[in-house]
Amino acid sequence: MDMGILREAGLTEGESKVYLALLELGPATSGPVVEKSGVSRSIIYNLLEKLAQKGLVSHIVKERTKYFQAADPSRIDEYLEEEGKKYEESRKRVAGLLPKLYELHKSAKGSEATLYMGFRGMMTAHEHSYQKLEKGEEYFYMGIPHDQPQQAHGFYIRDHRRRAKAGIKCRLLFSQKTPRGVLADRNSSPGCEARYMPFGIETPSWVMGYKNVTLIGFSHSNSINVEIMDQGIADSFRAYFEEFWKQSRPFGEESVPEREPKAATGKKRREEEHGEDYSSSEM
């Protein structure tokens, strides 16, 4: 396979060899990856870390052993666009390579749980919803924290436009500390209904669910995202969500918890209600 095309997509020669090896191997420890790719054992973890930062490799831990797995080949084209390398010829050559990469990817046995690191890893996991959901189907998020990385805001604004265009629906349950302006924005997007969680639960974690997929994320600078493909687990998390949803109220009809003592000024209360800071919560 011509690794020069992968290099045009922003991968080094070593990264290309490791990524292709993982596509063919499926979930594997570093040893088989070294043997398959031919890279030096001394640099394998450095290459895997760089690929993880690009959202092209994830890992899970089974019985204290780390297993690495290649992300879906479509991620290469997305990475090319994100990095601003929009040379049309390179994009066409990468597009021509994708069928071969998919062939390798399908031949490898998939895993039931995958760990994605960082914000790009979260983007890779979220992207899977577009591959599985059809027009009219939906995903849900619950427990969305009010405080998330700044870069998430722009991503979710663009993503909700894309979701609406694809005809995919969503229901979102936000932390009660989230500014009201954020929920107003999300509710203005076609096919999206956003509400506050019915309880004052504050954690840095959130859950996304659709079909047989459960994605559990933790919002901080070095975020961890766990994608689980299991129908039983997906059904159990959806049951939690539906119960929370039944106890929540449509946006604008809910009783917003007091955030200041009752003596707070009218101006302060108006600022809270309108939520002028849109950067604090994103999904």
C-alpha atoms as a PDB file:
ATOM      1  CA  MET A   1       0.000   0.000   0.000  1.00  0.00           C
ATOM      2  CA  ASP A   2       1.260   3.502  -0.874  1.00  0.00           C
ATOM      3  CA  MET A   3       2.062   5.070   2.495  1.00  0.00           C
ATOM      4  CA  GLY A   4       2.905   8.309   0.722  1.00  0.00           C
ATOM      5  CA  ILE A   5      -0.828   9.047   0.605  1.00  0.00           C
ATOM      6  CA  LEU A   6      -1.079   8.682   4.372  1.00  0.00           C
ATOM      7  CA  ARG A   7       1.889  11.013   4.728  1.00  0.00           C
ATOM      8  CA  GLU A   8      -0.006  13.574   2.664  1.00  0.00           C
ATOM      9  CA  ALA A   9      -2.781  13.225   5.234  1.00  0.00           C
ATOM     10  CA  GLY A  10      -0.343  14.429   7.906  1.00  0.00           C
ATOM     11  CA  LEU A  11       1.109  11.140   9.188  1.00  0.00           C
ATOM     12  CA  THR A  12       4.816  10.413   9.422  1.00  0.00           C
ATOM     13  CA  GLU A  13       6.212   7.210   7.927  1.00  0.00           C
ATOM     14  CA  GLY A  14       6.299   5.559  11.351  1.00  0.00           C
ATOM     15  CA  GLU A  15       2.759   6.672  12.178  1.00  0.00           C
ATOM     16  CA  SER A  16       1.540   5.352   8.825  1.00  0.00           C
ATOM     17  CA  LYS A  17       3.124   1.944   9.427  1.00  0.00           C
ATOM     18  CA  VAL A  18       1.631   1.675  12.917  1.00  0.00           C
ATOM     19  CA  TYR A  19      -1.834   2.803  11.821  1.00  0.00           C
ATOM     20  CA  LEU A  20      -1.936   0.295   8.940  1.00  0.00           C
ATOM     21  CA  ALA A  21      -0.707  -2.482  11.235  1.00  0.00           C
ATOM     22  CA  LEU A  22      -3.499  -1.758  13.728  1.00  0.00           C
ATOM     23  CA  LEU A  23      -6.125  -1.649  10.987  1.00  0.00           C
ATOM     24  CA  GLU A  24      -5.160  -5.199  10.029  1.00  0.00           C
ATOM     25  CA  LEU A  25      -4.548  -6.540  13.537  1.00  0.00           C
ATOM     26  CA  GLY A  26      -7.543  -5.090  15.337  1.00  0.00           C
ATOM     27  CA  PRO A  27      -7.109  -4.545  19.110  1.00  0.00           C
ATOM     28  CA  ALA A  28      -3.511  -5.476  19.926  1.00  0.00           C
ATOM     29  CA  THR A  29      -0.753  -4.885  22.446  1.00  0.00           C
ATOM     30  CA  SER A  30       2.408  -3.051  21.448  1.00  0.00           C
ATOM     31  CA  GLY A  31       4.371  -6.262  20.712  1.00  0.00           C
ATOM     32  CA  PRO A  32       2.329  -7.453  17.707  1.00  0.00           C
ATOM     33  CA  VAL A  33       2.162  -3.851  16.444  1.00  0.00           C
ATOM     34  CA  VAL A  34       5.969  -3.623  16.480  1.00  0.00           C
ATOM     35  CA  GLU A  35       6.258  -6.954  14.669  1.00  0.00           C
ATOM     36  CA  LYS A  36       3.616  -6.093  12.066  1.00  0.00           C
ATOM     37  CA  SER A  37       4.724  -2.511  11.394  1.00  0.00           C
ATOM     38  CA  GLY A  38       8.470  -3.021  11.556  1.00  0.00           C
ATOM     39  CA  VAL A  39       9.037   0.113  13.649  1.00  0.00           C
ATOM     40  CA  SER A  40      11.516   0.150  16.495  1.00  0.00           C
ATOM     41  CA  ARG A  41      10.263  -1.003  19.882  1.00  0.00           C
ATOM     42  CA  SER A  42      11.919   2.053  21.448  1.00  0.00           C
ATOM     43  CA  ILE A  43       9.597   4.488  19.626  1.00  0.00           C
ATOM     44  CA  ILE A  44       6.351   2.503  19.432  1.00  0.00           C
ATOM     45  CA  TYR A  45       4.685   4.230  22.398  1.00  0.00           C
ATOM     46  CA  ASN A  46       5.678   7.653  21.108  1.00  0.00           C
ATOM     47  CA  LEU A  47       4.099   6.861  17.723  1.00  0.00           C
ATOM     48  CA  LEU A  48       0.951   5.476  19.356  1.00  0.00           C
ATOM     49  CA  GLU A  49       0.625   8.598  21.494  1.00  0.00           C
ATOM     50  CA  LYS A  50       0.939  10.868  18.446  1.00  0.00           C
ATOM     51  CA  LEU A  51      -1.720   8.861  16.619  1.00  0.00           C
ATOM     52  CA  ALA A  52      -3.970   9.093  19.690  1.00  0.00           C
ATOM     53  CA  GLN A  53      -3.556  12.885  19.695  1.00  0.00           C
ATOM     54  CA  LYS A  54      -4.715  12.893  16.077  1.00  0.00           C
ATOM     55  CA  GLY A  55      -7.768  10.835  17.038  1.00  0.00           C
ATOM     56  CA  LEU A  56      -6.571   7.912  14.902  1.00  0.00           C
ATOM     57  CA  VAL A  57      -5.768   5.407  17.654  1.00  0.00           C
ATOM     58  CA  SER A  58      -7.538   4.543  20.899  1.00  0.00           C
ATOM     59  CA  HIS A  59      -6.828   2.037  23.630  1.00  0.00           C
ATOM     60  CA  ILE A  60      -8.503  -0.054  26.301  1.00  0.00           C
ATOM     61  CA  VAL A  61      -7.045  -1.822  29.337  1.00  0.00           C
ATOM     62  CA  LYS A  62      -7.853  -5.486  29.879  1.00  0.00           C
ATOM     63  CA  GLU A  63      -6.469  -7.155  32.991  1.00  0.00           C
ATOM     64  CA  ARG A  64      -3.813  -4.436  33.376  1.00  0.00           C
ATOM     65  CA  THR A  65      -2.695  -4.819  29.755  1.00  0.00           C
ATOM     66  CA  LYS A  66      -3.138  -1.995  27.271  1.00  0.00           C
ATOM     67  CA  TYR A  67      -4.652  -2.852  23.869  1.00  0.00           C
ATOM     68  CA  PHE A  68      -4.505  -0.361  21.005  1.00  0.00           C
ATOM     69  CA  GLN A  69      -7.011  -0.035  18.156  1.00  0.00           C
ATOM     70  CA  ALA A  70      -7.120   1.984  14.927  1.00  0.00           C
ATOM     71  CA  ALA A  71      -9.948   4.493  14.500  1.00  0.00           C
ATOM     72  CA  ASP A  72     -12.315   4.310  11.553  1.00  0.00           C
ATOM     73  CA  PRO A  73     -10.454   5.135   8.283  1.00  0.00           C
ATOM     74  CA  SER A  74     -12.842   8.041   7.581  1.00  0.00           C
ATOM     75  CA  ARG A  75     -11.075   9.847  10.420  1.00  0.00           C
ATOM     76  CA  ILE A  76      -8.053  10.386   8.131  1.00  0.00           C
ATOM     77  CA  ASP A  77     -10.036  12.587   5.763  1.00  0.00           C
ATOM     78  CA  GLU A  78     -11.484  14.534   8.701  1.00  0.00           C
ATOM     79  CA  TYR A  79      -8.006  15.045  10.145  1.00  0.00           C
ATOM     80  CA  LEU A  80      -6.761  16.290   6.792  1.00  0.00           C
ATOM     81  CA  GLU A  81      -9.508  18.904   6.722  1.00  0.00           C
ATOM     82  CA  GLU A  82      -9.041  19.925  10.373  1.00  0.00           C
ATOM     83  CA  GLU A  83      -5.350  20.574   9.840  1.00  0.00           C
ATOM     84  CA  GLY A  84      -6.132  22.886   6.962  1.00  0.00           C
ATOM     85  CA  LYS A  85      -4.320  20.746   4.376  1.00  0.00           C
ATOM     86  CA  LYS A  86      -7.011  21.258   1.792  1.00  0.00           C
ATOM     87  CA  TYR A  87      -5.027  20.518  -1.321  1.00  0.00           C
ATOM     88  CA  GLU A  88      -7.671  18.981  -3.560  1.00  0.00           C
ATOM     89  CA  GLU A  89      -5.325  16.418  -5.119  1.00  0.00           C
ATOM     90  CA  SER A  90      -4.350  15.073  -1.705  1.00  0.00           C
ATOM     91  CA  ARG A  91      -8.009  14.825  -0.681  1.00  0.00           C
ATOM     92  CA  LYS A  92      -8.813  12.868  -3.848  1.00  0.00           C
ATOM     93  CA  ARG A  93      -5.928  10.455  -3.316  1.00  0.00           C
ATOM     94  CA  VAL A  94      -6.929   9.876   0.314  1.00  0.00           C
ATOM     95  CA  ALA A  95     -10.522   9.260  -0.797  1.00  0.00           C
ATOM     96  CA  GLY A  96      -9.245   6.656  -3.266  1.00  0.00           C
ATOM     97  CA  LEU A  97      -7.336   4.911  -0.479  1.00  0.00           C
ATOM     98  CA  LEU A  98     -10.298   4.672   1.930  1.00  0.00           C
ATOM     99  CA  PRO A  99     -11.879   1.523   0.390  1.00  0.00           C
ATOM    100  CA  LYS A 100      -8.612  -0.380   0.905  1.00  0.00           C
ATOM    101  CA  LEU A 101      -8.348   0.871   4.488  1.00  0.00           C
ATOM    102  CA  TYR A 102     -11.936  -0.183   5.191  1.00  0.00           C
ATOM    103  CA  GLU A 103     -11.107  -3.616   3.835  1.00  0.00           C
ATOM    104  CA  LEU A 104      -8.322  -3.972   6.379  1.00  0.00           C
ATOM    105  CA  HIS A 105     -10.495  -2.530   9.119  1.00  0.00           C
ATOM    106  CA  LYS A 106     -13.358  -4.983   8.507  1.00  0.00           C
ATOM    107  CA  SER A 107     -11.016  -7.961   8.564  1.00  0.00           C
ATOM    108  CA  ALA A 108      -9.968  -7.174  12.132  1.00  0.00           C
ATOM    109  CA  LYS A 109     -12.064  -8.274  15.083  1.00  0.00           C
ATOM    110  CA  GLY A 110     -13.637  -5.290  16.837  1.00  0.00           C
ATOM    111  CA  SER A 111     -13.683  -4.762  20.591  1.00  0.00           C
ATOM    112  CA  GLU A 112     -16.653  -4.117  22.846  1.00  0.00           C
ATOM    113  CA  ALA A 113     -15.111  -1.156  24.648  1.00  0.00           C
ATOM    114  CA  THR A 114     -12.757   1.525  23.342  1.00  0.00           C
ATOM    115  CA  LEU A 115     -10.966   4.300  25.196  1.00  0.00           C
ATOM    116  CA  TYR A 116     -10.447   7.652  23.435  1.00  0.00           C
ATOM    117  CA  MET A 117      -8.142  10.310  24.832  1.00  0.00           C
ATOM    118  CA  GLY A 118      -8.473  14.081  24.525  1.00  0.00           C
ATOM    119  CA  PHE A 119     -10.949  16.281  22.712  1.00  0.00           C
ATOM    120  CA  ARG A 120     -10.056  14.877  19.289  1.00  0.00           C
ATOM    121  CA  GLY A 121     -10.702  11.401  20.621  1.00  0.00           C
ATOM    122  CA  MET A 122     -14.135  12.535  21.769  1.00  0.00           C
ATOM    123  CA  MET A 123     -14.801  13.933  18.283  1.00  0.00           C
ATOM    124  CA  THR A 124     -13.864  10.565  16.771  1.00  0.00           C
ATOM    125  CA  ALA A 125     -16.249   8.720  19.103  1.00  0.00           C
ATOM    126  CA  HIS A 126     -19.068  11.239  18.523  1.00  0.00           C
ATOM    127  CA  GLU A 127     -18.591  10.866  14.754  1.00  0.00           C
ATOM    128  CA  HIS A 128     -19.703   7.238  14.995  1.00  0.00           C
ATOM    129  CA  SER A 129     -23.274   8.415  15.612  1.00  0.00           C
ATOM    130  CA  TYR A 130     -23.448   9.646  12.005  1.00  0.00           C
ATOM    131  CA  GLN A 131     -22.378   6.235  10.759  1.00  0.00           C
ATOM    132  CA  LYS A 132     -25.092   4.391  12.696  1.00  0.00           C
ATOM    133  CA  LEU A 133     -28.079   6.736  12.924  1.00  0.00           C
ATOM    134  CA  GLU A 134     -30.565   7.226  10.115  1.00  0.00           C
ATOM    135  CA  LYS A 135     -32.807  10.220   9.438  1.00  0.00           C
ATOM    136  CA  GLY A 136     -35.468  10.465  12.149  1.00  0.00           C
ATOM    137  CA  GLU A 137     -33.448   8.514  14.732  1.00  0.00           C
ATOM    138  CA  GLU A 138     -31.949  10.145  17.815  1.00  0.00           C
ATOM    139  CA  TYR A 139     -29.173  10.214  20.366  1.00  0.00           C
ATOM    140  CA  PHE A 140     -29.267  11.544  23.920  1.00  0.00           C
ATOM    141  CA  TYR A 141     -26.847  13.177  26.307  1.00  0.00           C
ATOM    142  CA  MET A 142     -27.395  13.396  30.057  1.00  0.00           C
ATOM    143  CA  GLY A 143     -25.460  15.067  32.840  1.00  0.00           C
ATOM    144  CA  ILE A 144     -23.789  17.590  30.519  1.00  0.00           C
ATOM    145  CA  PRO A 145     -21.483  19.656  32.788  1.00  0.00           C
ATOM    146  CA  HIS A 146     -21.782  23.439  32.794  1.00  0.00           C
ATOM    147  CA  ASP A 147     -18.004  23.790  32.502  1.00  0.00           C
ATOM    148  CA  GLN A 148     -16.286  22.294  29.433  1.00  0.00           C
ATOM    149  CA  PRO A 149     -13.170  22.973  27.318  1.00  0.00           C
ATOM    150  CA  GLN A 150     -13.450  26.235  25.336  1.00  0.00           C
ATOM    151  CA  GLN A 151     -12.872  24.470  22.005  1.00  0.00           C
ATOM    152  CA  ALA A 152     -16.018  22.397  22.523  1.00  0.00           C
ATOM    153  CA  HIS A 153     -18.315  25.375  21.945  1.00  0.00           C
ATOM    154  CA  GLY A 154     -17.433  25.903  18.274  1.00  0.00           C
ATOM    155  CA  PHE A 155     -17.469  22.170  17.598  1.00  0.00           C
ATOM    156  CA  TYR A 156     -20.994  21.650  18.931  1.00  0.00           C
ATOM    157  CA  ILE A 157     -22.380  24.715  17.155  1.00  0.00           C
ATOM    158  CA  ARG A 158     -21.141  23.260  13.836  1.00  0.00           C
ATOM    159  CA  ASP A 159     -22.179  19.746  14.795  1.00  0.00           C
ATOM    160  CA  HIS A 160     -25.776  20.701  15.586  1.00  0.00           C
ATOM    161  CA  ARG A 161     -26.063  22.298  12.149  1.00  0.00           C
ATOM    162  CA  ARG A 162     -24.771  19.077  10.604  1.00  0.00           C
ATOM    163  CA  ARG A 163     -27.072  16.947  12.769  1.00  0.00           C
ATOM    164  CA  ALA A 164     -30.131  19.003  11.810  1.00  0.00           C
ATOM    165  CA  LYS A 165     -29.233  18.756   8.121  1.00  0.00           C
ATOM    166  CA  ALA A 166     -28.921  14.960   8.448  1.00  0.00           C
ATOM    167  CA  GLY A 167     -32.370  14.811  10.063  1.00  0.00           C
ATOM    168  CA  ILE A 168     -31.021  13.242  13.266  1.00  0.00           C
ATOM    169  CA  LYS A 169     -32.787  14.219  16.496  1.00  0.00           C
ATOM    170  CA  CYS A 170     -31.348  14.623  19.979  1.00  0.00           C
ATOM    171  CA  ARG A 171     -32.427  15.183  23.551  1.00  0.00           C
ATOM    172  CA  LEU A 172     -30.037  16.836  25.997  1.00  0.00           C
ATOM    173  CA  LEU A 173     -30.052  17.101  29.799  1.00  0.00           C
ATOM    174  CA  PHE A 174     -27.752  19.826  31.132  1.00  0.00           C
ATOM    175  CA  SER A 175     -26.388  20.614  34.569  1.00  0.00           C
ATOM    176  CA  GLN A 176     -28.645  23.031  36.443  1.00  0.00           C
ATOM    177  CA  LYS A 177     -25.723  25.497  36.610  1.00  0.00           C
ATOM    178  CA  THR A 178     -25.671  25.859  32.827  1.00  0.00           C
ATOM    179  CA  PRO A 179     -26.579  29.397  31.629  1.00  0.00           C
ATOM    180  CA  ARG A 180     -30.074  29.559  30.187  1.00  0.00           C
ATOM    181  CA  GLY A 181     -28.748  31.092  26.976  1.00  0.00           C
ATOM    182  CA  VAL A 182     -27.006  27.800  26.176  1.00  0.00           C
ATOM    183  CA  LEU A 183     -30.241  25.825  26.401  1.00  0.00           C
ATOM    184  CA  ALA A 184     -32.074  28.497  24.406  1.00  0.00           C
ATOM    185  CA  ASP A 185     -29.464  28.129  21.659  1.00  0.00           C
ATOM    186  CA  ARG A 186     -29.725  24.336  21.573  1.00  0.00           C
ATOM    187  CA  ASN A 187     -33.528  24.432  21.533  1.00  0.00           C
ATOM    188  CA  SER A 188     -33.396  26.736  18.520  1.00  0.00           C
ATOM    189  CA  SER A 189     -31.696  23.964  16.523  1.00  0.00           C
ATOM    190  CA  PRO A 190     -34.176  21.786  14.545  1.00  0.00           C
ATOM    191  CA  GLY A 191     -34.734  18.342  16.048  1.00  0.00           C
ATOM    192  CA  CYS A 192     -33.064  19.205  19.360  1.00  0.00           C
ATOM    193  CA  GLU A 193     -34.727  19.527  22.755  1.00  0.00           C
ATOM    194  CA  ALA A 194     -32.594  20.607  25.694  1.00  0.00           C
ATOM    195  CA  ARG A 195     -33.636  20.647  29.337  1.00  0.00           C
ATOM    196  CA  TYR A 196     -32.083  20.919  32.784  1.00  0.00           C
ATOM    197  CA  MET A 197     -31.381  17.772  34.785  1.00  0.00           C
ATOM    198  CA  PRO A 198     -34.183  17.280  37.331  1.00  0.00           C
ATOM    199  CA  PHE A 199     -31.667  17.033  40.173  1.00  0.00           C
ATOM    200  CA  GLY A 200     -28.757  19.212  41.205  1.00  0.00           C
ATOM    201  CA  ILE A 201     -26.148  16.587  40.343  1.00  0.00           C
ATOM    202  CA  GLU A 202     -22.712  18.103  39.576  1.00  0.00           C
ATOM    203  CA  THR A 203     -20.025  15.833  38.142  1.00  0.00           C
ATOM    204  CA  PRO A 204     -17.448  16.273  35.342  1.00  0.00           C
ATOM    205  CA  SER A 205     -18.872  13.232  33.532  1.00  0.00           C
ATOM    206  CA  TRP A 206     -21.657  12.834  30.967  1.00  0.00           C
ATOM    207  CA  VAL A 207     -23.285   9.987  29.036  1.00  0.00           C
ATOM    208  CA  MET A 208     -24.273   9.809  25.364  1.00  0.00           C
ATOM    209  CA  GLY A 209     -26.430   6.965  24.059  1.00  0.00           C
ATOM    210  CA  TYR A 210     -27.907   5.675  20.808  1.00  0.00           C
ATOM    211  CA  LYS A 211     -28.748   2.226  19.434  1.00  0.00           C
ATOM    212  CA  ASN A 212     -26.272  -0.227  21.058  1.00  0.00           C
ATOM    213  CA  VAL A 213     -23.676   2.446  21.860  1.00  0.00           C
ATOM    214  CA  THR A 214     -22.934   4.123  25.186  1.00  0.00           C
ATOM    215  CA  LEU A 215     -20.280   6.849  25.307  1.00  0.00           C
ATOM    216  CA  ILE A 216     -19.142   7.990  28.750  1.00  0.00           C
ATOM    217  CA  GLY A 217     -17.044  11.142  28.812  1.00  0.00           C
ATOM    218  CA  PHE A 218     -15.183  13.216  31.374  1.00  0.00           C
ATOM    219  CA  SER A 219     -14.794  16.924  30.654  1.00  0.00           C
ATOM    220  CA  HIS A 220     -11.370  18.220  31.550  1.00  0.00           C
ATOM    221  CA  SER A 221      -8.175  19.236  29.757  1.00  0.00           C
ATOM    222  CA  ASN A 222      -7.039  15.628  29.199  1.00  0.00           C
ATOM    223  CA  SER A 223     -10.494  14.122  28.740  1.00  0.00           C
ATOM    224  CA  ILE A 224     -11.168  10.404  28.800  1.00  0.00           C
ATOM    225  CA  ASN A 225     -14.001   8.950  26.726  1.00  0.00           C
ATOM    226  CA  VAL A 226     -15.133   5.323  26.916  1.00  0.00           C
ATOM    227  CA  GLU A 227     -17.245   3.920  24.067  1.00  0.00           C
ATOM    228  CA  ILE A 228     -19.101   0.689  24.884  1.00  0.00           C
ATOM    229  CA  MET A 229     -20.924  -1.355  22.261  1.00  0.00           C
ATOM    230  CA  ASP A 230     -23.346  -3.590  24.108  1.00  0.00           C
ATOM    231  CA  GLN A 231     -27.140  -3.594  23.764  1.00  0.00           C
ATOM    232  CA  GLY A 232     -27.805  -4.473  27.396  1.00  0.00           C
ATOM    233  CA  ILE A 233     -25.632  -1.640  28.700  1.00  0.00           C
ATOM    234  CA  ALA A 234     -27.131   0.780  26.167  1.00  0.00           C
ATOM    235  CA  ASP A 235     -30.661  -0.186  27.239  1.00  0.00           C
ATOM    236  CA  SER A 236     -29.848   0.328  30.920  1.00  0.00           C
ATOM    237  CA  PHE A 237     -28.431   3.825  30.385  1.00  0.00           C
ATOM    238  CA  ARG A 238     -31.384   4.755  28.184  1.00  0.00           C
ATOM    239  CA  ALA A 239     -33.723   3.664  30.991  1.00  0.00           C
ATOM    240  CA  TYR A 240     -31.898   6.059  33.359  1.00  0.00           C
ATOM    241  CA  PHE A 241     -32.151   8.834  30.806  1.00  0.00           C
ATOM    242  CA  GLU A 242     -35.867   8.296  30.162  1.00  0.00           C
ATOM    243  CA  GLU A 243     -36.585   8.410  33.899  1.00  0.00           C
ATOM    244  CA  PHE A 244     -34.626  11.668  34.282  1.00  0.00           C
ATOM    245  CA  TRP A 245     -36.340  13.049  31.188  1.00  0.00           C
ATOM    246  CA  LYS A 246     -39.815  12.286  32.607  1.00  0.00           C
ATOM    247  CA  GLN A 247     -38.935  14.159  35.780  1.00  0.00           C
ATOM    248  CA  SER A 248     -37.497  17.161  33.907  1.00  0.00           C
ATOM    249  CA  ARG A 249     -39.588  20.029  32.553  1.00  0.00           C
ATOM    250  CA  PRO A 250     -39.588  21.565  29.053  1.00  0.00           C
ATOM    251  CA  PHE A 251     -37.255  24.538  28.795  1.00  0.00           C
ATOM    252  CA  GLY A 252     -39.015  27.702  29.948  1.00  0.00           C
ATOM    253  CA  GLU A 253     -41.475  25.809  32.115  1.00  0.00           C
ATOM    254  CA  GLU A 254     -39.046  24.485  34.707  1.00  0.00           C
ATOM    255  CA  SER A 255     -38.425  25.889  38.156  1.00  0.00           C
ATOM    256  CA  VAL A 256     -34.845  27.173  38.043  1.00  0.00           C
ATOM    257  CA  PRO A 257     -32.949  26.553  41.305  1.00  0.00           C
ATOM    258  CA  GLU A 258     -31.870  29.574  43.309  1.00  0.00           C
ATOM    259  CA  ARG A 259     -28.210  30.351  42.606  1.00  0.00           C
ATOM    260  CA  GLU A 260     -27.927  33.342  44.928  1.00  0.00           C
ATOM    261  CA  PRO A 261     -29.507  34.203  48.287  1.00  0.00           C
ATOM    262  CA  LYS A 262     -33.048  35.524  47.983  1.00  0.00           C
ATOM    263  CA  ALA A 263     -31.732  39.028  48.573  1.00  0.00           C
ATOM    264  CA  ALA A 264     -29.930  39.020  45.209  1.00  0.00           C
ATOM    265  CA  THR A 265     -30.622  42.102  43.113  1.00  0.00           C
ATOM    266  CA  GLY A 266     -32.970  42.065  40.154  1.00  0.00           C
ATOM    267  CA  LYS A 267     -30.083  42.899  37.812  1.00  0.00           C
ATOM    268  CA  LYS A 268     -28.071  39.931  39.079  1.00  0.00           C
ATOM    269  CA  ARG A 269     -31.061  37.623  38.668  1.00  0.00           C
ATOM    270  CA  ARG A 270     -31.695  38.851  35.111  1.00  0.00           C
ATOM    271  CA  GLU A 271     -28.045  38.195  34.208  1.00  0.00           C
ATOM    272  CA  GLU A 272     -28.378  34.634  35.504  1.00  0.00           C
ATOM    273  CA  GLU A 273     -31.613  33.996  33.646  1.00  0.00           C
ATOM    274  CA  HIS A 274     -30.294  35.178  30.285  1.00  0.00           C
ATOM    275  CA  GLY A 275     -26.962  33.393  30.662  1.00  0.00           C
ATOM    276  CA  GLU A 276     -24.722  35.742  28.675  1.00  0.00           C
ATOM    277  CA  ASP A 277     -21.621  33.536  28.999  1.00  0.00           C
ATOM    278  CA  TYR A 278     -22.071  30.963  26.219  1.00  0.00           C
ATOM    279  CA  SER A 279     -18.605  29.470  26.642  1.00  0.00           C
ATOM    280  CA  SER A 280     -19.326  27.534  29.831  1.00  0.00           C
ATOM    281  CA  SER A 281     -21.337  24.648  28.402  1.00  0.00           C
ATOM    282  CA  GLU A 282     -21.230  23.266  24.933  1.00  0.00           C
ATOM    283  CA  MET A 283     -23.164  20.180  23.775  1.00  0.00           C
END
